[in-house]
């Protein structure tokens, strides 16, 4: 069982821990569709949702210090309750404007504060 989790986290999500950041290099096989998992890093409980189109990082509400998260060279700082949506390289700039995501009712690329969104 732990080998399967390792494949999803390290191989498919490309998760690595750098000196000051969690980094992702996603490579999810298209036939899997999506993968979700949770990790605990520097006092933050982090929900990770990965599809072939996007990677969503959501930090559960917490008073722990913010953490750095990087995907494809783009780094953001997230605190408890924050969420970031990263469009994956093969889907960036190929006819997927933000309006199209909004119309489809999908998550918008960029940051959202989960606490505020739930109110």
Protein backbone atom coordinates (compact mmCIF):
# COMPACT_ATOMS: atom_id res chain seq x y z
CA UNK A 1 0.00 0.00 0.00
CA UNK A 2 2.72 2.52 0.86
CA UNK A 3 4.35 1.89 -2.52
CA UNK A 4 1.15 2.96 -4.28
CA UNK A 5 0.99 6.16 -2.25
CA UNK A 6 4.63 6.87 -3.05
CA UNK A 7 3.96 6.49 -6.79
CA UNK A 8 1.03 8.92 -6.65
CA UNK A 9 2.82 11.50 -4.51
CA UNK A 10 6.30 11.42 -5.99
CA UNK A 11 5.89 10.13 -9.53
CA UNK A 12 2.45 11.41 -10.59
CA UNK A 13 2.36 14.66 -8.56
CA UNK A 14 6.13 15.13 -8.72
CA UNK A 15 6.24 16.27 -5.10
CA UNK A 16 9.65 17.27 -3.77
CA UNK A 17 10.68 19.11 -0.65
CA UNK A 18 13.22 21.85 -1.29
CA UNK A 19 14.99 23.94 1.32
CA UNK A 20 12.10 26.37 1.75
CA UNK A 21 9.28 25.06 -0.43
CA UNK A 22 7.15 22.18 -1.58
CA UNK A 23 7.47 21.79 -5.34
CA UNK A 24 5.36 19.85 -7.79
CA UNK A 25 6.14 18.59 -11.29
CA UNK A 26 2.86 16.83 -12.18
CA UNK A 27 2.81 13.93 -14.66
CA UNK A 28 -0.54 12.26 -14.15
CA UNK A 29 -1.33 9.63 -16.80
CA UNK A 30 -4.43 10.71 -18.73
CA UNK A 31 -6.16 7.37 -18.11
CA UNK A 32 -6.15 7.99 -14.36
CA UNK A 33 -8.17 11.18 -14.69
CA UNK A 34 -7.38 12.59 -11.26
CA UNK A 35 -5.65 11.92 -7.96
CA UNK A 36 -6.13 13.45 -4.52
CA UNK A 37 -4.11 13.17 -1.37
CA UNK A 38 -3.31 15.04 1.82
CA UNK A 39 0.09 15.88 3.27
CA UNK A 40 1.28 17.50 6.47
CA UNK A 41 4.08 20.05 5.99
CA UNK A 42 5.45 22.54 8.53
CA UNK A 43 2.30 22.44 10.63
CA UNK A 44 -0.04 22.85 7.64
CA UNK A 45 -2.49 20.17 6.51
CA UNK A 46 -2.51 20.41 2.71
CA UNK A 47 -5.08 18.93 0.33
CA UNK A 48 -3.71 18.22 -3.15
CA UNK A 49 -6.00 17.59 -6.10
CA UNK A 50 -4.41 16.75 -9.43
CA UNK A 51 -5.92 16.27 -12.88
CA UNK A 52 -4.33 16.38 -16.29
CA UNK A 53 -5.42 20.04 -16.58
CA UNK A 54 -4.74 21.55 -13.18
CA UNK A 55 -3.20 21.14 -9.75
CA UNK A 56 -5.16 22.54 -6.80
CA UNK A 57 -3.39 23.15 -3.49
CA UNK A 58 -5.65 23.88 -0.52
CA UNK A 59 -4.40 24.51 3.00
CA UNK A 60 -6.83 23.67 5.78
CA UNK A 61 -7.44 26.58 8.19
CA UNK A 62 -4.46 26.82 10.53
CA UNK A 63 -2.41 29.27 12.59
CA UNK A 64 0.85 27.70 11.37
CA UNK A 65 3.29 29.85 9.39
CA UNK A 66 2.63 30.22 5.66
CA UNK A 67 4.45 27.86 3.29
CA UNK A 68 5.97 28.27 -0.16
CA UNK A 69 4.57 26.09 -2.96
CA UNK A 70 6.07 25.90 -6.43
CA UNK A 71 4.81 24.45 -9.70
CA UNK A 72 6.78 24.76 -12.94
CA UNK A 73 8.91 27.59 -11.57
CA UNK A 74 5.96 29.61 -10.24
CA UNK A 75 6.12 30.01 -6.45
CA UNK A 76 3.40 31.30 -4.15
CA UNK A 77 3.11 31.70 -0.39
CA UNK A 78 -0.01 30.16 1.13
CA UNK A 79 -1.36 30.38 4.66
CA UNK A 80 -4.06 28.44 6.46
CA UNK A 81 -7.33 28.52 4.53
CA UNK A 82 -5.72 29.58 1.24
CA UNK A 83 -6.06 27.79 -2.06
CA UNK A 84 -4.14 28.06 -5.32
CA UNK A 85 -5.05 26.65 -8.72
CA UNK A 86 -2.17 25.97 -11.11
CA UNK A 87 -2.95 25.33 -14.76
CA UNK A 88 -0.60 22.68 -16.05
CA UNK A 89 1.76 23.47 -18.93
CA UNK A 90 0.00 21.56 -21.68
CA UNK A 91 -3.20 23.46 -20.90
CA UNK A 92 -1.76 26.96 -20.51
CA UNK A 93 -2.37 29.29 -23.39
CA UNK A 94 -4.21 26.81 -25.60
CA UNK A 95 -7.71 28.20 -25.77
CA UNK A 96 -8.62 28.01 -22.10
CA UNK A 97 -9.31 31.63 -21.11
CA UNK A 98 -10.50 32.32 -17.58
CA UNK A 99 -14.02 33.05 -18.87
CA UNK A 100 -14.26 29.51 -20.23
CA UNK A 101 -13.43 28.11 -16.76
CA UNK A 102 -16.04 30.36 -15.20
CA UNK A 103 -18.72 29.33 -17.69
CA UNK A 104 -17.99 25.67 -17.12
CA UNK A 105 -18.25 26.17 -13.34
CA UNK A 106 -14.68 25.00 -12.85
CA UNK A 107 -12.06 26.37 -10.51
CA UNK A 108 -10.41 29.57 -11.63
CA UNK A 109 -6.63 29.67 -11.98
CA UNK A 110 -5.03 31.69 -9.22
CA UNK A 111 -5.57 32.17 -5.53
CA UNK A 112 -8.71 31.99 -3.48
CA UNK A 113 -9.14 32.17 0.24
CA UNK A 114 -11.10 29.04 1.11
CA UNK A 115 -12.44 30.53 4.34
CA UNK A 116 -13.98 33.45 2.47
CA UNK A 117 -15.27 31.29 -0.39
CA UNK A 118 -17.22 29.05 2.00
CA UNK A 119 -19.11 31.96 3.63
